[in-house]
Amino acid sequence: SSDVCSSDLVGWKAERYIERCLNSVIHQSVQDWTACVVLDPAGDRTVDIAQAISAKDSRIKVIANEKQLYAIPNIIRSINEQHPADDDVIATIDSDDWASGPDTLAIVKKCYDANPDLLVTHGSWMPYPDPNGPTNNGPYSPADWAKGIRRVDWRATHLRTFKYKVWKHVKDEDLRGSDGEYFRTAWDLAMLFPMLEMANMHRVQYIPERIYTYNVETPYNDSKMRLQEQMSTADYIAAKPSYSYIENF
């Protein structure tokens, strides 16, 4: 089955986009999914809109946090609330982004069906509102893998999916900074580097089809609000020790 976890990753206002986000999942051609939407308080109608949609679709669960927790705790809770099996596939979707079309999950499912050993997929996204804007979509080359993916340009971008059995080997302390708190920026690197390294090249697949729409219109992106913190945190995460390849999951 395909488990879809949707979180308000920046913990800010998504009332203009949350309906489009959830409807893009509801209208997928693949219907075997569940979604847990974990939302930080934003002082707007984001939670109300999400709850109204979930009231009409039992596959969607909405959790409204009392305080702002940011992305990683929300993703952890979203995954745990769905009690996934080892081979369930988890996809993370920001609540102000959306699937680009009705076949997003079908394209992901086709990848996993074709390769039973596959553990992680990444790519590809288009920017909103300008679909022709720049992206960092692309595969890691064999040379990138040989050098070490923490030492090359970041490529593991939306849409990111992974099997639960590789996710559960990511150590909690590697999702936290030197202060012991969960990373508030560059969290995707903290999550994906370990899974990519445990999976290695032959169990990671890049999806060239632009199956995800990344909202660059919203003023609440980390790159707009916390760019310096995002860059320093990314450097800190990249400098951490690499995970070892795990042959048998």
C-alpha atoms as a PDB file:
ATOM      1  CA  SER A   1       0.000   0.000   0.000  1.00  0.00           C
ATOM      2  CA  SER A   2       1.035   3.630  -0.348  1.00  0.00           C
ATOM      3  CA  ASP A   3       0.973   5.636   2.873  1.00  0.00           C
ATOM      4  CA  VAL A   4       0.958   9.356   2.312  1.00  0.00           C
ATOM      5  CA  CYS A   5       2.008  11.563   5.210  1.00  0.00           C
ATOM      6  CA  SER A   6       1.191  15.241   4.820  1.00  0.00           C
ATOM      7  CA  SER A   7       2.494  17.801   7.304  1.00  0.00           C
ATOM      8  CA  ASP A   8       2.577  21.566   7.574  1.00  0.00           C
ATOM      9  CA  LEU A   9       6.334  21.472   7.528  1.00  0.00           C
ATOM     10  CA  VAL A  10       7.040  25.129   8.197  1.00  0.00           C
ATOM     11  CA  GLY A  11       4.239  25.383  10.738  1.00  0.00           C
ATOM     12  CA  TRP A  12       2.863  28.520   9.216  1.00  0.00           C
ATOM     13  CA  LYS A  13      -0.128  29.660   7.232  1.00  0.00           C
ATOM     14  CA  ALA A  14      -1.333  27.268   4.523  1.00  0.00           C
ATOM     15  CA  GLU A  15      -5.021  28.242   4.332  1.00  0.00           C
ATOM     16  CA  ARG A  16      -4.662  29.292   0.686  1.00  0.00           C
ATOM     17  CA  TYR A  17      -3.151  25.940  -0.294  1.00  0.00           C
ATOM     18  CA  ILE A  18      -4.215  23.133   2.084  1.00  0.00           C
ATOM     19  CA  GLU A  19      -7.418  22.330   0.170  1.00  0.00           C
ATOM     20  CA  ARG A  20      -5.498  22.030  -3.091  1.00  0.00           C
ATOM     21  CA  CYS A  21      -2.899  19.864  -1.341  1.00  0.00           C
ATOM     22  CA  LEU A  22      -5.406  17.397   0.100  1.00  0.00           C
ATOM     23  CA  ASN A  23      -7.567  17.301  -3.005  1.00  0.00           C
ATOM     24  CA  SER A  24      -4.498  16.448  -5.069  1.00  0.00           C
ATOM     25  CA  VAL A  25      -4.106  13.327  -2.915  1.00  0.00           C
ATOM     26  CA  ILE A  26      -7.806  12.463  -2.813  1.00  0.00           C
ATOM     27  CA  HIS A  27      -7.991  12.523  -6.622  1.00  0.00           C
ATOM     28  CA  GLN A  28      -5.062  10.187  -7.214  1.00  0.00           C
ATOM     29  CA  SER A  29      -5.651   7.309  -9.626  1.00  0.00           C
ATOM     30  CA  VAL A  30      -4.095   5.065  -6.935  1.00  0.00           C
ATOM     31  CA  GLN A  31      -6.563   5.041  -4.061  1.00  0.00           C
ATOM     32  CA  ASP A  32      -4.798   2.668  -1.641  1.00  0.00           C
ATOM     33  CA  TRP A  33      -3.414   5.273   0.746  1.00  0.00           C
ATOM     34  CA  THR A  34      -3.880   6.898   4.116  1.00  0.00           C
ATOM     35  CA  ALA A  35      -2.879  10.414   5.090  1.00  0.00           C
ATOM     36  CA  CYS A  36      -2.087  11.929   8.468  1.00  0.00           C
ATOM     37  CA  VAL A  37      -1.949  15.710   8.407  1.00  0.00           C
ATOM     38  CA  VAL A  38      -0.088  17.190  11.382  1.00  0.00           C
ATOM     39  CA  LEU A  39      -0.462  20.957  11.560  1.00  0.00           C
ATOM     40  CA  ASP A  40       1.229  23.535  13.745  1.00  0.00           C
ATOM     41  CA  PRO A  41      -0.923  26.458  14.949  1.00  0.00           C
ATOM     42  CA  ALA A  42      -0.905  29.274  12.422  1.00  0.00           C
ATOM     43  CA  GLY A  43      -3.669  31.611  13.576  1.00  0.00           C
ATOM     44  CA  ASP A  44      -5.592  31.118  10.338  1.00  0.00           C
ATOM     45  CA  ARG A  45      -8.092  28.656   8.825  1.00  0.00           C
ATOM     46  CA  THR A  46      -5.585  25.938   7.813  1.00  0.00           C
ATOM     47  CA  VAL A  47      -6.741  23.458  10.472  1.00  0.00           C
ATOM     48  CA  ASP A  48     -10.452  24.198   9.912  1.00  0.00           C
ATOM     49  CA  ILE A  49     -10.150  23.563   6.163  1.00  0.00           C
ATOM     50  CA  ALA A  50      -8.189  20.344   6.675  1.00  0.00           C
ATOM     51  CA  GLN A  51     -10.673  19.059   9.248  1.00  0.00           C
ATOM     52  CA  ALA A  52     -13.625  19.808   6.967  1.00  0.00           C
ATOM     53  CA  ILE A  53     -11.997  17.754   4.204  1.00  0.00           C
ATOM     54  CA  SER A  54     -11.071  14.882   6.532  1.00  0.00           C
ATOM     55  CA  ALA A  55     -14.676  14.732   7.782  1.00  0.00           C
ATOM     56  CA  LYS A  56     -15.645  13.627   4.260  1.00  0.00           C
ATOM     57  CA  ASP A  57     -12.813  11.106   3.770  1.00  0.00           C
ATOM     58  CA  SER A  58     -11.976   8.530   6.453  1.00  0.00           C
ATOM     59  CA  ARG A  59      -8.503   7.968   4.974  1.00  0.00           C
ATOM     60  CA  ILE A  60      -7.399  11.424   6.144  1.00  0.00           C
ATOM     61  CA  LYS A  61      -6.592  12.105   9.789  1.00  0.00           C
ATOM     62  CA  VAL A  62      -5.868  15.641  10.990  1.00  0.00           C
ATOM     63  CA  ILE A  63      -3.889  16.439  14.126  1.00  0.00           C
ATOM     64  CA  ALA A  64      -3.677  20.047  15.308  1.00  0.00           C
ATOM     65  CA  ASN A  65      -0.714  20.812  17.553  1.00  0.00           C
ATOM     66  CA  GLU A  66      -1.164  23.162  20.485  1.00  0.00           C
ATOM     67  CA  LYS A  67       2.275  24.679  19.911  1.00  0.00           C
ATOM     68  CA  GLN A  68       4.680  24.984  17.008  1.00  0.00           C
ATOM     69  CA  LEU A  69       6.816  21.844  16.723  1.00  0.00           C
ATOM     70  CA  TYR A  70       8.170  22.219  13.166  1.00  0.00           C
ATOM     71  CA  ALA A  71       8.715  19.587  10.509  1.00  0.00           C
ATOM     72  CA  ILE A  72      10.560  16.634  11.996  1.00  0.00           C
ATOM     73  CA  PRO A  73       8.357  16.019  15.071  1.00  0.00           C
ATOM     74  CA  ASN A  74       5.309  16.413  12.833  1.00  0.00           C
ATOM     75  CA  ILE A  75       6.606  13.887  10.311  1.00  0.00           C
ATOM     76  CA  ILE A  76       7.531  11.419  13.058  1.00  0.00           C
ATOM     77  CA  ARG A  77       4.042  11.661  14.524  1.00  0.00           C
ATOM     78  CA  SER A  78       2.389  11.483  11.117  1.00  0.00           C
ATOM     79  CA  ILE A  79       4.232   8.243  10.344  1.00  0.00           C
ATOM     80  CA  ASN A  80       3.663   6.687  13.772  1.00  0.00           C
ATOM     81  CA  GLU A  81      -0.057   7.492  13.755  1.00  0.00           C
ATOM     82  CA  GLN A  82      -0.463   5.336  10.623  1.00  0.00           C
ATOM     83  CA  HIS A  83       1.260   2.252  12.100  1.00  0.00           C
ATOM     84  CA  PRO A  84       2.953   1.348   8.805  1.00  0.00           C
ATOM     85  CA  ALA A  85       4.210  -2.113   7.931  1.00  0.00           C
ATOM     86  CA  ASP A  86       7.865  -2.543   6.934  1.00  0.00           C
ATOM     87  CA  ASP A  87       7.144  -2.494   3.196  1.00  0.00           C
ATOM     88  CA  ASP A  88       4.660   0.382   3.276  1.00  0.00           C
ATOM     89  CA  VAL A  89       5.800   3.380   1.250  1.00  0.00           C
ATOM     90  CA  ILE A  90       5.732   6.786   2.931  1.00  0.00           C
ATOM     91  CA  ALA A  91       5.591  10.042   0.985  1.00  0.00           C
ATOM     92  CA  THR A  92       6.030  13.458   2.592  1.00  0.00           C
ATOM     93  CA  ILE A  93       4.031  16.379   1.222  1.00  0.00           C
ATOM     94  CA  ASP A  94       4.153  19.940   2.521  1.00  0.00           C
ATOM     95  CA  SER A  95       0.684  21.287   3.254  1.00  0.00           C
ATOM     96  CA  ASP A  96       1.278  24.289   0.989  1.00  0.00           C
ATOM     97  CA  ASP A  97       2.407  22.070  -1.921  1.00  0.00           C
ATOM     98  CA  TRP A  98       0.515  19.455  -3.923  1.00  0.00           C
ATOM     99  CA  ALA A  99       0.762  16.513  -6.287  1.00  0.00           C
ATOM    100  CA  SER A 100       1.130  17.765  -9.854  1.00  0.00           C
ATOM    101  CA  GLY A 101      -1.446  15.391 -11.308  1.00  0.00           C
ATOM    102  CA  PRO A 102      -3.643  12.347 -10.605  1.00  0.00           C
ATOM    103  CA  ASP A 103      -0.892   9.844 -11.456  1.00  0.00           C
ATOM    104  CA  THR A 104       1.738  10.951  -8.932  1.00  0.00           C
ATOM    105  CA  LEU A 105       1.251   7.931  -6.674  1.00  0.00           C
ATOM    106  CA  ALA A 106       0.807   5.606  -9.659  1.00  0.00           C
ATOM    107  CA  ILE A 107       4.228   6.625 -10.985  1.00  0.00           C
ATOM    108  CA  VAL A 108       5.779   6.038  -7.551  1.00  0.00           C
ATOM    109  CA  LYS A 109       3.996   2.692  -7.170  1.00  0.00           C
ATOM    110  CA  LYS A 110       5.240   1.567 -10.578  1.00  0.00           C
ATOM    111  CA  CYS A 111       8.835   2.149  -9.440  1.00  0.00           C
ATOM    112  CA  TYR A 112       8.422   0.053  -6.299  1.00  0.00           C
ATOM    113  CA  ASP A 113       6.505  -2.689  -8.133  1.00  0.00           C
ATOM    114  CA  ALA A 114       9.256  -2.942 -10.766  1.00  0.00           C
ATOM    115  CA  ASN A 115      12.055  -3.247  -8.189  1.00  0.00           C
ATOM    116  CA  PRO A 116      11.155  -5.141  -4.990  1.00  0.00           C
ATOM    117  CA  ASP A 117      14.498  -4.087  -3.470  1.00  0.00           C
ATOM    118  CA  LEU A 118      13.780  -0.360  -3.935  1.00  0.00           C
ATOM    119  CA  LEU A 119      13.862   1.615  -0.678  1.00  0.00           C
ATOM    120  CA  VAL A 120      13.887   5.331  -1.600  1.00  0.00           C
ATOM    121  CA  THR A 121      12.723   7.508  -4.498  1.00  0.00           C
ATOM    122  CA  HIS A 122      13.250  11.236  -5.065  1.00  0.00           C
ATOM    123  CA  GLY A 123      12.182  13.817  -7.686  1.00  0.00           C
ATOM    124  CA  SER A 124      10.831  15.577  -9.549  1.00  0.00           C
ATOM    125  CA  TRP A 125       9.124  18.876  -8.832  1.00  0.00           C
ATOM    126  CA  MET A 126       7.932  21.943 -10.682  1.00  0.00           C
ATOM    127  CA  PRO A 127       7.803  25.384  -9.090  1.00  0.00           C
ATOM    128  CA  TYR A 128       4.572  27.322  -8.550  1.00  0.00           C
ATOM    129  CA  PRO A 129       3.487  29.775  -9.864  1.00  0.00           C
ATOM    130  CA  ASP A 130       6.069  29.567 -12.676  1.00  0.00           C
ATOM    131  CA  PRO A 131       6.332  25.910 -13.796  1.00  0.00           C
ATOM    132  CA  ASN A 132       9.336  26.799 -15.940  1.00  0.00           C
ATOM    133  CA  GLY A 133      11.359  28.221 -13.050  1.00  0.00           C
ATOM    134  CA  PRO A 134      14.646  26.682 -11.897  1.00  0.00           C
ATOM    135  CA  THR A 135      14.743  23.392  -9.974  1.00  0.00           C
ATOM    136  CA  ASN A 136      17.404  21.126  -8.481  1.00  0.00           C
ATOM    137  CA  ASN A 137      15.855  17.965  -9.892  1.00  0.00           C
ATOM    138  CA  GLY A 138      18.316  15.301 -10.970  1.00  0.00           C
ATOM    139  CA  PRO A 139      19.768  11.893 -10.176  1.00  0.00           C
ATOM    140  CA  TYR A 140      22.910  11.170  -8.204  1.00  0.00           C
ATOM    141  CA  SER A 141      25.589   9.878 -10.585  1.00  0.00           C
ATOM    142  CA  PRO A 142      27.778   6.829  -9.853  1.00  0.00           C
ATOM    143  CA  ALA A 143      30.602   9.316  -9.259  1.00  0.00           C
ATOM    144  CA  ASP A 144      28.439  11.146  -6.690  1.00  0.00           C
ATOM    145  CA  TRP A 145      27.811   7.902  -4.824  1.00  0.00           C
ATOM    146  CA  ALA A 146      31.510   7.045  -4.918  1.00  0.00           C
ATOM    147  CA  LYS A 147      32.446  10.466  -3.549  1.00  0.00           C
ATOM    148  CA  GLY A 148      29.738  10.398  -0.899  1.00  0.00           C
ATOM    149  CA  ILE A 149      26.375  12.102  -1.319  1.00  0.00           C
ATOM    150  CA  ARG A 150      26.980  14.407   1.650  1.00  0.00           C
ATOM    151  CA  ARG A 151      29.815  15.952  -0.379  1.00  0.00           C
ATOM    152  CA  VAL A 152      27.929  16.705  -3.608  1.00  0.00           C
ATOM    153  CA  ASP A 153      25.030  18.954  -4.606  1.00  0.00           C
ATOM    154  CA  TRP A 154      21.758  18.055  -2.880  1.00  0.00           C
ATOM    155  CA  ARG A 155      19.468  16.062  -5.168  1.00  0.00           C
ATOM    156  CA  ALA A 156      17.029  14.133  -2.957  1.00  0.00           C
ATOM    157  CA  THR A 157      14.196  16.581  -3.551  1.00  0.00           C
ATOM    158  CA  HIS A 158      10.397  16.356  -3.740  1.00  0.00           C
ATOM    159  CA  LEU A 159       8.652  14.039  -4.119  1.00  0.00           C
ATOM    160  CA  ARG A 160      10.497  12.013  -1.503  1.00  0.00           C
ATOM    161  CA  THR A 161       9.283   8.513  -0.714  1.00  0.00           C
ATOM    162  CA  PHE A 162      10.762   5.697   1.328  1.00  0.00           C
ATOM    163  CA  LYS A 163       9.841   2.351   2.820  1.00  0.00           C
ATOM    164  CA  TYR A 164       9.152   2.308   6.526  1.00  0.00           C
ATOM    165  CA  LYS A 165      11.766  -0.404   7.113  1.00  0.00           C
ATOM    166  CA  VAL A 166      14.590   1.958   6.117  1.00  0.00           C
ATOM    167  CA  TRP A 167      13.093   4.972   7.915  1.00  0.00           C
ATOM    168  CA  LYS A 168      13.027   3.148  11.257  1.00  0.00           C
ATOM    169  CA  HIS A 169      16.829   2.732  11.131  1.00  0.00           C
ATOM    170  CA  VAL A 170      17.377   6.517  11.156  1.00  0.00           C
ATOM    171  CA  LYS A 171      18.671   7.404  14.612  1.00  0.00           C
ATOM    172  CA  ASP A 172      16.696  10.039  16.501  1.00  0.00           C
ATOM    173  CA  GLU A 173      19.874  11.838  17.591  1.00  0.00           C
ATOM    174  CA  ASP A 174      20.798  12.395  13.936  1.00  0.00           C
ATOM    175  CA  LEU A 175      17.611  14.411  13.491  1.00  0.00           C
ATOM    176  CA  ARG A 176      18.742  16.838  16.210  1.00  0.00           C
ATOM    177  CA  GLY A 177      21.322  19.584  16.429  1.00  0.00           C
ATOM    178  CA  SER A 178      24.091  20.065  18.975  1.00  0.00           C
ATOM    179  CA  ASP A 179      21.523  21.680  21.318  1.00  0.00           C
ATOM    180  CA  GLY A 180      19.508  18.448  21.405  1.00  0.00           C
ATOM    181  CA  GLU A 181      16.551  20.039  19.592  1.00  0.00           C
ATOM    182  CA  TYR A 182      15.149  18.726  16.302  1.00  0.00           C
ATOM    183  CA  PHE A 183      16.448  20.596  13.258  1.00  0.00           C
ATOM    184  CA  ARG A 184      14.041  23.362  12.213  1.00  0.00           C
ATOM    185  CA  THR A 185      15.634  23.878   8.806  1.00  0.00           C
ATOM    186  CA  ALA A 186      17.406  21.545   6.363  1.00  0.00           C
ATOM    187  CA  TRP A 187      15.437  18.757   8.065  1.00  0.00           C
ATOM    188  CA  ASP A 188      15.069  16.934   4.735  1.00  0.00           C
ATOM    189  CA  LEU A 189      18.838  16.402   4.596  1.00  0.00           C
ATOM    190  CA  ALA A 190      18.825  14.994   8.129  1.00  0.00           C
ATOM    191  CA  MET A 191      16.100  12.524   7.141  1.00  0.00           C
ATOM    192  CA  LEU A 192      17.262  11.543   3.676  1.00  0.00           C
ATOM    193  CA  PHE A 193      21.052  11.297   3.955  1.00  0.00           C
ATOM    194  CA  PRO A 194      20.886   8.302   6.327  1.00  0.00           C
ATOM    195  CA  MET A 195      18.247   6.504   4.250  1.00  0.00           C
ATOM    196  CA  LEU A 196      20.096   7.107   0.994  1.00  0.00           C
ATOM    197  CA  GLU A 197      23.333   5.834   2.522  1.00  0.00           C
ATOM    198  CA  MET A 198      21.745   2.721   4.018  1.00  0.00           C
ATOM    199  CA  ALA A 199      19.996   1.966   0.718  1.00  0.00           C
ATOM    200  CA  ASN A 200      22.857   2.899  -1.652  1.00  0.00           C
ATOM    201  CA  MET A 201      22.679   3.472  -5.384  1.00  0.00           C
ATOM    202  CA  HIS A 202      20.931   0.303  -6.563  1.00  0.00           C
ATOM    203  CA  ARG A 203      18.039   0.739  -4.103  1.00  0.00           C
ATOM    204  CA  VAL A 204      17.453   4.459  -4.736  1.00  0.00           C
ATOM    205  CA  GLN A 205      15.576   5.695  -7.815  1.00  0.00           C
ATOM    206  CA  TYR A 206      15.257   9.158  -9.308  1.00  0.00           C
ATOM    207  CA  ILE A 207      11.849   9.930 -10.860  1.00  0.00           C
ATOM    208  CA  PRO A 208      12.223  12.283 -13.840  1.00  0.00           C
ATOM    209  CA  GLU A 209       8.489  12.967 -14.271  1.00  0.00           C
ATOM    210  CA  ARG A 210       7.502  16.204 -12.532  1.00  0.00           C
ATOM    211  CA  ILE A 211       5.017  14.678 -10.124  1.00  0.00           C
ATOM    212  CA  TYR A 212       5.144  17.319  -7.364  1.00  0.00           C
ATOM    213  CA  THR A 213       4.427  21.055  -7.291  1.00  0.00           C
ATOM    214  CA  TYR A 214       6.619  23.077  -4.937  1.00  0.00           C
ATOM    215  CA  ASN A 215       5.112  26.362  -3.836  1.00  0.00           C
ATOM    216  CA  VAL A 216       7.647  29.171  -4.136  1.00  0.00           C
ATOM    217  CA  GLU A 217       4.899  31.791  -3.941  1.00  0.00           C
ATOM    218  CA  THR A 218       4.322  31.449  -0.191  1.00  0.00           C
ATOM    219  CA  PRO A 219       6.407  33.858   1.903  1.00  0.00           C
ATOM    220  CA  TYR A 220       6.842  31.208   4.609  1.00  0.00           C
ATOM    221  CA  ASN A 221       9.505  29.017   2.969  1.00  0.00           C
ATOM    222  CA  ASP A 222      12.660  28.499   5.022  1.00  0.00           C
ATOM    223  CA  SER A 223      14.722  29.849   2.130  1.00  0.00           C
ATOM    224  CA  LYS A 224      12.874  33.153   2.529  1.00  0.00           C
ATOM    225  CA  MET A 225      12.585  33.280   6.309  1.00  0.00           C
ATOM    226  CA  ARG A 226      15.659  31.475   7.664  1.00  0.00           C
ATOM    227  CA  LEU A 227      18.162  31.238   4.808  1.00  0.00           C
ATOM    228  CA  GLN A 228      21.284  31.708   6.937  1.00  0.00           C
ATOM    229  CA  GLU A 229      20.108  29.127   9.476  1.00  0.00           C
ATOM    230  CA  GLN A 230      19.172  26.758   6.643  1.00  0.00           C
ATOM    231  CA  MET A 231      22.630  26.997   5.081  1.00  0.00           C
ATOM    232  CA  SER A 232      24.567  26.558   8.335  1.00  0.00           C
ATOM    233  CA  THR A 233      22.368  23.644   9.386  1.00  0.00           C
ATOM    234  CA  ALA A 234      22.849  21.985   5.993  1.00  0.00           C
ATOM    235  CA  ASP A 235      26.619  22.240   6.420  1.00  0.00           C
ATOM    236  CA  TYR A 236      26.367  20.780   9.937  1.00  0.00           C
ATOM    237  CA  ILE A 237      24.303  17.810   8.731  1.00  0.00           C
ATOM    238  CA  ALA A 238      26.535  17.171   5.721  1.00  0.00           C
ATOM    239  CA  ALA A 239      29.569  17.022   8.024  1.00  0.00           C
ATOM    240  CA  LYS A 240      28.062  14.263  10.186  1.00  0.00           C
ATOM    241  CA  PRO A 241      29.387  10.701   9.751  1.00  0.00           C
ATOM    242  CA  SER A 242      27.822   8.723   6.916  1.00  0.00           C
ATOM    243  CA  TYR A 243      25.601   5.746   7.654  1.00  0.00           C
ATOM    244  CA  SER A 244      26.804   2.310   6.615  1.00  0.00           C
ATOM    245  CA  TYR A 245      25.188   0.363   3.816  1.00  0.00           C
ATOM    246  CA  ILE A 246      22.725  -2.236   5.137  1.00  0.00           C
ATOM    247  CA  GLU A 247      22.458  -5.268   2.882  1.00  0.00           C
ATOM    248  CA  ASN A 248      19.478  -6.988   4.469  1.00  0.00           C
ATOM    249  CA  PHE A 249      16.405  -5.149   5.713  1.00  0.00           C
END
